[in-house]
Amino acid sequence: MIILTKRDLIEIVAKKANLTNKASRDAVQAFITSIRDSLKRGEKVVITGFGTFSIRNRVERIGRNPKTGEKITISSRKAPGFTPGKTLKRAVR
């Protein structure tokens, strides 16, 4: 398994786009920040050919405390989600 870190991504963008590492870091950070801010506002982010980032609502449910086995209520919350697009799915097959 290969893990792509943010630093690795910055280096790849710098090489592919012929940018300095600082310019590449700024571009990657702006991209990540814009996705995060859109999701915080409840908006969907669609990147054609790649996929869709969205917010998923998790309903309240009953769980168990692993230490004691006692039933607990897990409150509802919002969670980020990603759905790959057709082009990405085809590329991975």
PDB file of N, CA and C in Angstrom:
ATOM      1  N   MET A   1       0.849  -1.179   0.000  1.00  0.00           N
ATOM      2  CA  MET A   1       0.000   0.000   0.000  1.00  0.00           C
ATOM      3  C   MET A   1       0.893   1.240   0.000  1.00  0.00           C
ATOM      4  N   ILE A   2       0.532   2.207  -0.802  1.00  0.00           N
ATOM      5  CA  ILE A   2       1.263   3.469  -0.865  1.00  0.00           C
ATOM      6  C   ILE A   2       0.401   4.547  -0.227  1.00  0.00           C
ATOM      7  N   ILE A   3       0.999   5.304   0.674  1.00  0.00           N
ATOM      8  CA  ILE A   3       0.291   6.403   1.319  1.00  0.00           C
ATOM      9  C   ILE A   3       0.790   7.702   0.710  1.00  0.00           C
ATOM     10  N   LEU A   4      -0.127   8.482   0.169  1.00  0.00           N
ATOM     11  CA  LEU A   4       0.210   9.768  -0.427  1.00  0.00           C
ATOM     12  C   LEU A   4      -0.031  10.848   0.617  1.00  0.00           C
ATOM     13  N   THR A   5       1.041  11.441   1.097  1.00  0.00           N
ATOM     14  CA  THR A   5       0.909  12.497   2.087  1.00  0.00           C
ATOM     15  C   THR A   5       0.705  13.840   1.390  1.00  0.00           C
ATOM     16  N   LYS A   6       0.356  14.828   2.167  1.00  0.00           N
ATOM     17  CA  LYS A   6       0.168  16.176   1.620  1.00  0.00           C
ATOM     18  C   LYS A   6       1.486  16.674   1.028  1.00  0.00           C
ATOM     19  N   ARG A   7       2.589  16.379   1.686  1.00  0.00           N
ATOM     20  CA  ARG A   7       3.912  16.780   1.181  1.00  0.00           C
ATOM     21  C   ARG A   7       4.191  16.135  -0.176  1.00  0.00           C
ATOM     22  N   ASP A   8       3.839  14.837  -0.311  1.00  0.00           N
ATOM     23  CA  ASP A   8       4.022  14.148  -1.587  1.00  0.00           C
ATOM     24  C   ASP A   8       3.172  14.790  -2.675  1.00  0.00           C
ATOM     25  N   LEU A   9       1.942  15.125  -2.336  1.00  0.00           N
ATOM     26  CA  LEU A   9       1.041  15.766  -3.287  1.00  0.00           C
ATOM     27  C   LEU A   9       1.597  17.105  -3.749  1.00  0.00           C
ATOM     28  N   ILE A  10       2.137  17.879  -2.827  1.00  0.00           N
ATOM     29  CA  ILE A  10       2.730  19.176  -3.164  1.00  0.00           C
ATOM     30  C   ILE A  10       3.903  18.997  -4.131  1.00  0.00           C
ATOM     31  N   GLU A  11       4.743  18.005  -3.872  1.00  0.00           N
ATOM     32  CA  GLU A  11       5.888  17.743  -4.757  1.00  0.00           C
ATOM     33  C   GLU A  11       5.432  17.317  -6.149  1.00  0.00           C
ATOM     34  N   ILE A  12       4.399  16.477  -6.223  1.00  0.00           N
ATOM     35  CA  ILE A  12       3.883  16.028  -7.519  1.00  0.00           C
ATOM     36  C   ILE A  12       3.316  17.207  -8.304  1.00  0.00           C
ATOM     37  N   VAL A  13       2.534  18.056  -7.636  1.00  0.00           N
ATOM     38  CA  VAL A  13       1.956  19.228  -8.302  1.00  0.00           C
ATOM     39  C   VAL A  13       3.074  20.162  -8.782  1.00  0.00           C
ATOM     40  N   ALA A  14       4.085  20.345  -7.974  1.00  0.00           N
ATOM     41  CA  ALA A  14       5.202  21.220  -8.355  1.00  0.00           C
ATOM     42  C   ALA A  14       5.885  20.701  -9.616  1.00  0.00           C
ATOM     43  N   LYS A  15       6.128  19.403  -9.689  1.00  0.00           N
ATOM     44  CA  LYS A  15       6.791  18.825 -10.860  1.00  0.00           C
ATOM     45  C   LYS A  15       5.910  18.873 -12.101  1.00  0.00           C
ATOM     46  N   LYS A  16       4.637  18.448 -11.940  1.00  0.00           N
ATOM     47  CA  LYS A  16       3.735  18.377 -13.096  1.00  0.00           C
ATOM     48  C   LYS A  16       3.385  19.754 -13.661  1.00  0.00           C
ATOM     49  N   ALA A  17       3.220  20.749 -12.781  1.00  0.00           N
ATOM     50  CA  ALA A  17       2.803  22.080 -13.219  1.00  0.00           C
ATOM     51  C   ALA A  17       3.992  23.030 -13.372  1.00  0.00           C
ATOM     52  N   ASN A  18       5.196  22.504 -13.154  1.00  0.00           N
ATOM     53  CA  ASN A  18       6.412  23.320 -13.265  1.00  0.00           C
ATOM     54  C   ASN A  18       6.324  24.558 -12.365  1.00  0.00           C
ATOM     55  N   LEU A  19       5.997  24.315 -11.088  1.00  0.00           N
ATOM     56  CA  LEU A  19       5.882  25.372 -10.097  1.00  0.00           C
ATOM     57  C   LEU A  19       6.954  25.190  -9.035  1.00  0.00           C
ATOM     58  N   THR A  20       7.188  26.244  -8.272  1.00  0.00           N
ATOM     59  CA  THR A  20       8.063  26.113  -7.114  1.00  0.00           C
ATOM     60  C   THR A  20       7.299  25.356  -6.033  1.00  0.00           C
ATOM     61  N   ASN A  21       8.027  24.824  -5.057  1.00  0.00           N
ATOM     62  CA  ASN A  21       7.354  24.113  -3.976  1.00  0.00           C
ATOM     63  C   ASN A  21       6.441  25.039  -3.188  1.00  0.00           C
ATOM     64  N   LYS A  22       6.838  26.298  -3.016  1.00  0.00           N
ATOM     65  CA  LYS A  22       6.004  27.260  -2.275  1.00  0.00           C
ATOM     66  C   LYS A  22       4.702  27.526  -3.035  1.00  0.00           C
ATOM     67  N   ALA A  23       4.811  27.760  -4.348  1.00  0.00           N
ATOM     68  CA  ALA A  23       3.613  28.016  -5.152  1.00  0.00           C
ATOM     69  C   ALA A  23       2.706  26.781  -5.174  1.00  0.00           C
ATOM     70  N   SER A  24       3.321  25.614  -5.262  1.00  0.00           N
ATOM     71  CA  SER A  24       2.554  24.376  -5.255  1.00  0.00           C
ATOM     72  C   SER A  24       1.863  24.177  -3.911  1.00  0.00           C
ATOM     73  N   ARG A  25       2.575  24.450  -2.805  1.00  0.00           N
ATOM     74  CA  ARG A  25       1.986  24.315  -1.468  1.00  0.00           C
ATOM     75  C   ARG A  25       0.792  25.250  -1.327  1.00  0.00           C
ATOM     76  N   ASP A  26       0.927  26.486  -1.800  1.00  0.00           N
ATOM     77  CA  ASP A  26      -0.169  27.451  -1.729  1.00  0.00           C
ATOM     78  C   ASP A  26      -1.374  26.979  -2.548  1.00  0.00           C
ATOM     79  N   ALA A  27      -1.116  26.414  -3.734  1.00  0.00           N
ATOM     80  CA  ALA A  27      -2.204  25.938  -4.589  1.00  0.00           C
ATOM     81  C   ALA A  27      -2.935  24.756  -3.951  1.00  0.00           C
ATOM     82  N   VAL A  28      -2.178  23.803  -3.434  1.00  0.00           N
ATOM     83  CA  VAL A  28      -2.792  22.635  -2.803  1.00  0.00           C
ATOM     84  C   VAL A  28      -3.587  23.058  -1.569  1.00  0.00           C
ATOM     85  N   GLN A  29      -3.010  23.957  -0.775  1.00  0.00           N
ATOM     86  CA  GLN A  29      -3.698  24.421   0.433  1.00  0.00           C
ATOM     87  C   GLN A  29      -4.985  25.175   0.075  1.00  0.00           C
ATOM     88  N   ALA A  30      -4.940  25.995  -0.971  1.00  0.00           N
ATOM     89  CA  ALA A  30      -6.135  26.726  -1.404  1.00  0.00           C
ATOM     90  C   ALA A  30      -7.218  25.762  -1.872  1.00  0.00           C
ATOM     91  N   PHE A  31      -6.820  24.715  -2.566  1.00  0.00           N
ATOM     92  CA  PHE A  31      -7.761  23.704  -3.041  1.00  0.00           C
ATOM     93  C   PHE A  31      -8.435  23.000  -1.867  1.00  0.00           C
ATOM     94  N   ILE A  32      -7.649  22.550  -0.911  1.00  0.00           N
ATOM     95  CA  ILE A  32      -8.186  21.844   0.255  1.00  0.00           C
ATOM     96  C   ILE A  32      -9.079  22.762   1.082  1.00  0.00           C
ATOM     97  N   THR A  33      -8.643  23.997   1.283  1.00  0.00           N
ATOM     98  CA  THR A  33      -9.412  24.961   2.070  1.00  0.00           C
ATOM     99  C   THR A  33     -10.750  25.267   1.406  1.00  0.00           C
ATOM    100  N   SER A  34     -10.751  25.413   0.087  1.00  0.00           N
ATOM    101  CA  SER A  34     -12.002  25.735  -0.599  1.00  0.00           C
ATOM    102  C   SER A  34     -12.999  24.588  -0.497  1.00  0.00           C
ATOM    103  N   ILE A  35     -12.525  23.344  -0.575  1.00  0.00           N
ATOM    104  CA  ILE A  35     -13.422  22.200  -0.407  1.00  0.00           C
ATOM    105  C   ILE A  35     -13.970  22.175   1.016  1.00  0.00           C
ATOM    106  N   ARG A  36     -13.086  22.349   2.012  1.00  0.00           N
ATOM    107  CA  ARG A  36     -13.511  22.335   3.417  1.00  0.00           C
ATOM    108  C   ARG A  36     -14.544  23.424   3.698  1.00  0.00           C
ATOM    109  N   ASP A  37     -14.288  24.643   3.208  1.00  0.00           N
ATOM    110  CA  ASP A  37     -15.203  25.752   3.458  1.00  0.00           C
ATOM    111  C   ASP A  37     -16.565  25.526   2.805  1.00  0.00           C
ATOM    112  N   SER A  38     -16.571  24.957   1.608  1.00  0.00           N
ATOM    113  CA  SER A  38     -17.841  24.665   0.934  1.00  0.00           C
ATOM    114  C   SER A  38     -18.633  23.617   1.706  1.00  0.00           C
ATOM    115  N   LEU A  39     -17.954  22.598   2.193  1.00  0.00           N
ATOM    116  CA  LEU A  39     -18.641  21.563   2.967  1.00  0.00           C
ATOM    117  C   LEU A  39     -19.174  22.128   4.276  1.00  0.00           C
ATOM    118  N   LYS A  40     -18.435  23.035   4.914  1.00  0.00           N
ATOM    119  CA  LYS A  40     -18.903  23.659   6.159  1.00  0.00           C
ATOM    120  C   LYS A  40     -20.182  24.446   5.922  1.00  0.00           C
ATOM    121  N   ARG A  41     -20.319  25.031   4.725  1.00  0.00           N
ATOM    122  CA  ARG A  41     -21.532  25.778   4.386  1.00  0.00           C
ATOM    123  C   ARG A  41     -22.669  24.850   3.942  1.00  0.00           C
ATOM    124  N   GLY A  42     -22.402  23.548   3.885  1.00  0.00           N
ATOM    125  CA  GLY A  42     -23.422  22.586   3.491  1.00  0.00           C
ATOM    126  C   GLY A  42     -23.542  22.407   1.990  1.00  0.00           C
ATOM    127  N   GLU A  43     -22.575  22.890   1.246  1.00  0.00           N
ATOM    128  CA  GLU A  43     -22.601  22.787  -0.208  1.00  0.00           C
ATOM    129  C   GLU A  43     -21.915  21.503  -0.672  1.00  0.00           C
ATOM    130  N   LYS A  44     -22.314  21.042  -1.843  1.00  0.00           N
ATOM    131  CA  LYS A  44     -21.699  19.891  -2.470  1.00  0.00           C
ATOM    132  C   LYS A  44     -20.577  20.393  -3.376  1.00  0.00           C
ATOM    133  N   VAL A  45     -19.469  19.661  -3.446  1.00  0.00           N
ATOM    134  CA  VAL A  45     -18.360  20.023  -4.324  1.00  0.00           C
ATOM    135  C   VAL A  45     -18.221  18.929  -5.370  1.00  0.00           C
ATOM    136  N   VAL A  46     -18.460  19.286  -6.636  1.00  0.00           N
ATOM    137  CA  VAL A  46     -18.385  18.329  -7.729  1.00  0.00           C
ATOM    138  C   VAL A  46     -17.158  18.635  -8.573  1.00  0.00           C
ATOM    139  N   ILE A  47     -16.283  17.661  -8.697  1.00  0.00           N
ATOM    140  CA  ILE A  47     -15.113  17.791  -9.560  1.00  0.00           C
ATOM    141  C   ILE A  47     -15.329  16.799 -10.698  1.00  0.00           C
ATOM    142  N   THR A  48     -15.704  17.324 -11.853  1.00  0.00           N
ATOM    143  CA  THR A  48     -16.049  16.494 -12.998  1.00  0.00           C
ATOM    144  C   THR A  48     -14.877  15.590 -13.360  1.00  0.00           C
ATOM    145  N   GLY A  49     -15.171  14.315 -13.541  1.00  0.00           N
ATOM    146  CA  GLY A  49     -14.160  13.335 -13.878  1.00  0.00           C
ATOM    147  C   GLY A  49     -13.455  12.754 -12.669  1.00  0.00           C
ATOM    148  N   PHE A  50     -13.710  13.283 -11.488  1.00  0.00           N
ATOM    149  CA  PHE A  50     -13.065  12.785 -10.279  1.00  0.00           C
ATOM    150  C   PHE A  50     -14.090  12.271  -9.277  1.00  0.00           C
ATOM    151  N   GLY A  51     -14.957  13.162  -8.813  1.00  0.00           N
ATOM    152  CA  GLY A  51     -15.965  12.726  -7.856  1.00  0.00           C
ATOM    153  C   GLY A  51     -16.654  13.883  -7.167  1.00  0.00           C
ATOM    154  N   THR A  52     -17.462  13.554  -6.153  1.00  0.00           N
ATOM    155  CA  THR A  52     -18.267  14.533  -5.439  1.00  0.00           C
ATOM    156  C   THR A  52     -18.017  14.427  -3.942  1.00  0.00           C
ATOM    157  N   PHE A  53     -17.703  15.562  -3.332  1.00  0.00           N
ATOM    158  CA  PHE A  53     -17.589  15.661  -1.883  1.00  0.00           C
ATOM    159  C   PHE A  53     -18.910  16.211  -1.367  1.00  0.00           C
ATOM    160  N   SER A  54     -19.453  15.617  -0.312  1.00  0.00           N
ATOM    161  CA  SER A  54     -20.724  16.095   0.228  1.00  0.00           C
ATOM    162  C   SER A  54     -20.779  15.820   1.724  1.00  0.00           C
ATOM    163  N   ILE A  55     -21.802  16.379   2.362  1.00  0.00           N
ATOM    164  CA  ILE A  55     -22.034  16.151   3.787  1.00  0.00           C
ATOM    165  C   ILE A  55     -23.110  15.084   3.924  1.00  0.00           C
ATOM    166  N   ARG A  56     -22.852  14.111   4.772  1.00  0.00           N
ATOM    167  CA  ARG A  56     -23.824  13.054   5.036  1.00  0.00           C
ATOM    168  C   ARG A  56     -24.286  13.182   6.479  1.00  0.00           C
ATOM    169  N   ASN A  57     -25.578  13.065   6.671  1.00  0.00           N
ATOM    170  CA  ASN A  57     -26.139  13.143   8.017  1.00  0.00           C
ATOM    171  C   ASN A  57     -26.237  11.743   8.607  1.00  0.00           C
ATOM    172  N   ARG A  58     -25.618  11.555   9.743  1.00  0.00           N
ATOM    173  CA  ARG A  58     -25.694  10.275  10.448  1.00  0.00           C
ATOM    174  C   ARG A  58     -26.767  10.388  11.516  1.00  0.00           C
ATOM    175  N   VAL A  59     -27.674   9.442  11.540  1.00  0.00           N
ATOM    176  CA  VAL A  59     -28.777   9.482  12.489  1.00  0.00           C
ATOM    177  C   VAL A  59     -28.318   8.989  13.861  1.00  0.00           C
ATOM    178  N   GLU A  60     -29.071   9.377  14.884  1.00  0.00           N
ATOM    179  CA  GLU A  60     -28.788   8.919  16.241  1.00  0.00           C
ATOM    180  C   GLU A  60     -28.996   7.411  16.299  1.00  0.00           C
ATOM    181  N   ARG A  61     -28.119   6.713  17.039  1.00  0.00           N
ATOM    182  CA  ARG A  61     -28.241   5.258  17.118  1.00  0.00           C
ATOM    183  C   ARG A  61     -27.755   4.749  18.470  1.00  0.00           C
ATOM    184  N   ILE A  62     -28.061   3.512  18.727  1.00  0.00           N
ATOM    185  CA  ILE A  62     -27.649   2.861  19.969  1.00  0.00           C
ATOM    186  C   ILE A  62     -26.360   2.092  19.691  1.00  0.00           C
ATOM    187  N   GLY A  63     -25.377   2.269  20.573  1.00  0.00           N
ATOM    188  CA  GLY A  63     -24.110   1.548  20.466  1.00  0.00           C
ATOM    189  C   GLY A  63     -23.772   0.921  21.801  1.00  0.00           C
ATOM    190  N   ARG A  64     -22.583   0.353  21.893  1.00  0.00           N
ATOM    191  CA  ARG A  64     -22.141  -0.265  23.141  1.00  0.00           C
ATOM    192  C   ARG A  64     -20.773   0.286  23.521  1.00  0.00           C
ATOM    193  N   ASN A  65     -20.610   0.534  24.817  1.00  0.00           N
ATOM    194  CA  ASN A  65     -19.313   0.929  25.341  1.00  0.00           C
ATOM    195  C   ASN A  65     -18.424  -0.317  25.306  1.00  0.00           C
ATOM    196  N   PRO A  66     -17.289  -0.292  24.584  1.00  0.00           N
ATOM    197  CA  PRO A  66     -16.483  -1.499  24.459  1.00  0.00           C
ATOM    198  C   PRO A  66     -15.871  -1.981  25.781  1.00  0.00           C
ATOM    199  N   LYS A  67     -15.661  -1.084  26.725  1.00  0.00           N
ATOM    200  CA  LYS A  67     -15.079  -1.485  28.011  1.00  0.00           C
ATOM    201  C   LYS A  67     -16.086  -2.185  28.906  1.00  0.00           C
ATOM    202  N   THR A  68     -17.293  -1.608  28.989  1.00  0.00           N
ATOM    203  CA  THR A  68     -18.273  -2.122  29.943  1.00  0.00           C
ATOM    204  C   THR A  68     -19.390  -2.940  29.302  1.00  0.00           C
ATOM    205  N   GLY A  69     -19.580  -2.798  27.996  1.00  0.00           N
ATOM    206  CA  GLY A  69     -20.677  -3.484  27.326  1.00  0.00           C
ATOM    207  C   GLY A  69     -22.008  -2.782  27.504  1.00  0.00           C
ATOM    208  N   GLU A  70     -21.996  -1.648  28.207  1.00  0.00           N
ATOM    209  CA  GLU A  70     -23.205  -0.876  28.488  1.00  0.00           C
ATOM    210  C   GLU A  70     -23.712  -0.212  27.208  1.00  0.00           C
ATOM    211  N   LYS A  71     -25.041  -0.165  27.058  1.00  0.00           N
ATOM    212  CA  LYS A  71     -25.636   0.508  25.900  1.00  0.00           C
ATOM    213  C   LYS A  71     -25.480   2.018  26.065  1.00  0.00           C
ATOM    214  N   ILE A  72     -25.113   2.691  24.960  1.00  0.00           N
ATOM    215  CA  ILE A  72     -25.012   4.154  24.961  1.00  0.00           C
ATOM    216  C   ILE A  72     -25.697   4.688  23.712  1.00  0.00           C
ATOM    217  N   THR A  73     -26.094   5.936  23.777  1.00  0.00           N
ATOM    218  CA  THR A  73     -26.698   6.586  22.622  1.00  0.00           C
ATOM    219  C   THR A  73     -25.634   7.406  21.910  1.00  0.00           C
ATOM    220  N   ILE A  74     -25.451   7.116  20.635  1.00  0.00           N
ATOM    221  CA  ILE A  74     -24.513   7.864  19.811  1.00  0.00           C
ATOM    222  C   ILE A  74     -25.329   8.939  19.100  1.00  0.00           C
ATOM    223  N   SER A  75     -25.014  10.195  19.364  1.00  0.00           N
ATOM    224  CA  SER A  75     -25.822  11.294  18.836  1.00  0.00           C
ATOM    225  C   SER A  75     -25.656  11.448  17.326  1.00  0.00           C
ATOM    226  N   SER A  76     -26.630  12.085  16.720  1.00  0.00           N
ATOM    227  CA  SER A  76     -26.574  12.331  15.281  1.00  0.00           C
ATOM    228  C   SER A  76     -25.494  13.365  14.999  1.00  0.00           C
ATOM    229  N   ARG A  77     -24.936  13.293  13.801  1.00  0.00           N
ATOM    230  CA  ARG A  77     -23.881  14.234  13.431  1.00  0.00           C
ATOM    231  C   ARG A  77     -23.756  14.295  11.922  1.00  0.00           C
ATOM    232  N   LYS A  78     -22.993  15.255  11.476  1.00  0.00           N
ATOM    233  CA  LYS A  78     -22.695  15.398  10.059  1.00  0.00           C
ATOM    234  C   LYS A  78     -21.300  14.832   9.815  1.00  0.00           C
ATOM    235  N   ALA A  79     -21.120  14.184   8.671  1.00  0.00           N
ATOM    236  CA  ALA A  79     -19.818  13.617   8.329  1.00  0.00           C
ATOM    237  C   ALA A  79     -19.539  13.878   6.853  1.00  0.00           C
ATOM    238  N   PRO A  80     -18.295  14.183   6.505  1.00  0.00           N
ATOM    239  CA  PRO A  80     -17.972  14.373   5.093  1.00  0.00           C
ATOM    240  C   PRO A  80     -17.987  13.035   4.366  1.00  0.00           C
ATOM    241  N   GLY A  81     -18.372  13.091   3.105  1.00  0.00           N
ATOM    242  CA  GLY A  81     -18.407  11.881   2.299  1.00  0.00           C
ATOM    243  C   GLY A  81     -17.868  12.149   0.909  1.00  0.00           C
ATOM    244  N   PHE A  82     -17.420  11.096   0.243  1.00  0.00           N
ATOM    245  CA  PHE A  82     -16.903  11.209  -1.112  1.00  0.00           C
ATOM    246  C   PHE A  82     -17.500  10.105  -1.959  1.00  0.00           C
ATOM    247  N   THR A  83     -17.999  10.484  -3.131  1.00  0.00           N
ATOM    248  CA  THR A  83     -18.519   9.526  -4.092  1.00  0.00           C
ATOM    249  C   THR A  83     -17.679   9.646  -5.360  1.00  0.00           C
ATOM    250  N   PRO A  84     -16.979   8.589  -5.750  1.00  0.00           N
ATOM    251  CA  PRO A  84     -16.144   8.682  -6.950  1.00  0.00           C
ATOM    252  C   PRO A  84     -16.999   8.811  -8.206  1.00  0.00           C
ATOM    253  N   GLY A  85     -16.466   9.540  -9.187  1.00  0.00           N
ATOM    254  CA  GLY A  85     -17.152   9.711 -10.456  1.00  0.00           C
ATOM    255  C   GLY A  85     -16.888   8.538 -11.394  1.00  0.00           C
ATOM    256  N   LYS A  86     -17.630   8.494 -12.502  1.00  0.00           N
ATOM    257  CA  LYS A  86     -17.501   7.398 -13.465  1.00  0.00           C
ATOM    258  C   LYS A  86     -16.084   7.285 -14.016  1.00  0.00           C
ATOM    259  N   THR A  87     -15.477   8.423 -14.348  1.00  0.00           N
ATOM    260  CA  THR A  87     -14.138   8.411 -14.941  1.00  0.00           C
ATOM    261  C   THR A  87     -13.121   7.824 -13.973  1.00  0.00           C
ATOM    262  N   LEU A  88     -13.200   8.192 -12.710  1.00  0.00           N
ATOM    263  CA  LEU A  88     -12.294   7.656 -11.692  1.00  0.00           C
ATOM    264  C   LEU A  88     -12.534   6.160 -11.500  1.00  0.00           C
ATOM    265  N   LYS A  89     -13.787   5.752 -11.462  1.00  0.00           N
ATOM    266  CA  LYS A  89     -14.103   4.344 -11.298  1.00  0.00           C
ATOM    267  C   LYS A  89     -13.524   3.510 -12.451  1.00  0.00           C
ATOM    268  N   ARG A  90     -13.684   4.010 -13.690  1.00  0.00           N
ATOM    269  CA  ARG A  90     -13.155   3.306 -14.853  1.00  0.00           C
ATOM    270  C   ARG A  90     -11.630   3.233 -14.813  1.00  0.00           C
ATOM    271  N   ALA A  91     -10.993   4.308 -14.371  1.00  0.00           N
ATOM    272  CA  ALA A  91      -9.523   4.351 -14.333  1.00  0.00           C
ATOM    273  C   ALA A  91      -8.955   3.347 -13.332  1.00  0.00           C
ATOM    274  N   VAL A  92      -9.696   3.085 -12.256  1.00  0.00           N
ATOM    275  CA  VAL A  92      -9.213   2.203 -11.198  1.00  0.00           C
ATOM    276  C   VAL A  92      -9.417   0.728 -11.565  1.00  0.00           C
ATOM    277  N   ARG A  93     -10.401   0.430 -12.356  1.00  0.00           N
ATOM    278  CA  ARG A  93     -10.712  -0.974 -12.700  1.00  0.00           C
ATOM    279  C   ARG A  93      -9.562  -1.667 -13.352  1.00  0.00           C
TER     280      ARG A  93
END
